């Protein structure tokens, strides 16, 4: 996957956050914009590790995914 351009994800809930995560996992290093009506940033309340997902860190291509999710 290339780092050129940006993706716009319509829907900033859990599904939108997971779409952004998948883009990062697939190697996309460009911009990701989530568009939604939510007042808060997207988050998943709990994942396997029990740690909350930080949307800022998720969107940062410099942050290793391993630091976000325990597998």
Protein backbone atom coordinates (compact mmCIF):
# COMPACT_ATOMS: atom_id res chain seq x y z
CA UNK A 1 0.00 0.00 0.00
CA UNK A 2 1.33 3.47 -0.75
CA UNK A 3 1.72 6.51 1.46
CA UNK A 4 0.41 8.87 -1.21
CA UNK A 5 -2.87 10.67 -0.70
CA UNK A 6 -5.38 10.25 2.07
CA UNK A 7 -8.41 8.18 2.98
CA UNK A 8 -11.66 9.70 4.20
CA UNK A 9 -13.70 7.32 6.36
CA UNK A 10 -17.35 8.30 6.77
CA UNK A 11 -18.45 7.18 10.21
CA UNK A 12 -16.25 7.88 13.21
CA UNK A 13 -17.51 5.15 15.51
CA UNK A 14 -15.91 1.82 16.28
CA UNK A 15 -16.15 0.61 12.66
CA UNK A 16 -14.43 3.77 11.39
CA UNK A 17 -11.65 3.40 13.94
CA UNK A 18 -11.18 -0.24 12.93
CA UNK A 19 -11.01 0.78 9.26
CA UNK A 20 -8.26 3.28 10.14
CA UNK A 21 -6.43 0.60 12.11
CA UNK A 22 -6.63 -1.80 9.16
CA UNK A 23 -5.16 0.81 6.84
CA UNK A 24 -2.19 1.22 9.20
CA UNK A 25 -1.78 -2.55 9.53
CA UNK A 26 -1.68 -2.83 5.74
CA UNK A 27 1.13 -0.27 5.60
CA UNK A 28 -0.70 2.91 4.60
CA UNK A 29 1.32 5.89 5.84
CA UNK A 30 -0.73 8.76 4.43
CA UNK A 31 -3.50 10.82 6.00
CA UNK A 32 -6.67 9.34 7.45
CA UNK A 33 -9.71 11.53 8.11
CA UNK A 34 -12.69 10.24 10.08
CA UNK A 35 -15.96 12.10 9.47
CA UNK A 36 -18.84 11.63 11.90
CA UNK A 37 -21.37 13.28 14.17
CA UNK A 38 -19.85 11.96 17.38
CA UNK A 39 -18.74 14.55 19.94
CA UNK A 40 -15.84 12.38 21.12
CA UNK A 41 -12.94 10.88 19.24
CA UNK A 42 -13.42 7.26 18.21
CA UNK A 43 -12.48 4.61 20.70
CA UNK A 44 -13.10 0.99 21.49
CA UNK A 45 -13.94 0.70 25.17
CA UNK A 46 -11.92 -2.46 25.76
CA UNK A 47 -9.77 -4.68 23.65
CA UNK A 48 -8.15 -7.96 24.61
CA UNK A 49 -5.58 -6.28 26.79
CA UNK A 50 -8.21 -4.19 28.58
CA UNK A 51 -6.40 -0.98 27.58
CA UNK A 52 -8.43 1.82 25.97
CA UNK A 53 -7.51 2.62 22.36
CA UNK A 54 -6.04 6.10 21.91
CA UNK A 55 -7.29 7.50 18.58
CA UNK A 56 -4.41 10.00 18.30
CA UNK A 57 -1.85 7.23 18.64
CA UNK A 58 -3.84 5.00 16.28
CA UNK A 59 -3.78 7.66 13.57
CA UNK A 60 -0.04 8.32 13.95
CA UNK A 61 1.94 6.27 11.40
CA UNK A 62 5.04 6.57 13.63
CA UNK A 63 3.39 4.62 16.48
CA UNK A 64 3.99 0.86 16.20
CA UNK A 65 0.76 -1.10 16.19
CA UNK A 66 2.24 -3.49 18.73
CA UNK A 67 2.12 -0.70 21.27
CA UNK A 68 -1.64 -0.29 20.70
CA UNK A 69 -2.91 -3.86 20.74
CA UNK A 70 -1.82 -6.99 22.55
CA UNK A 71 -2.12 -10.05 20.33
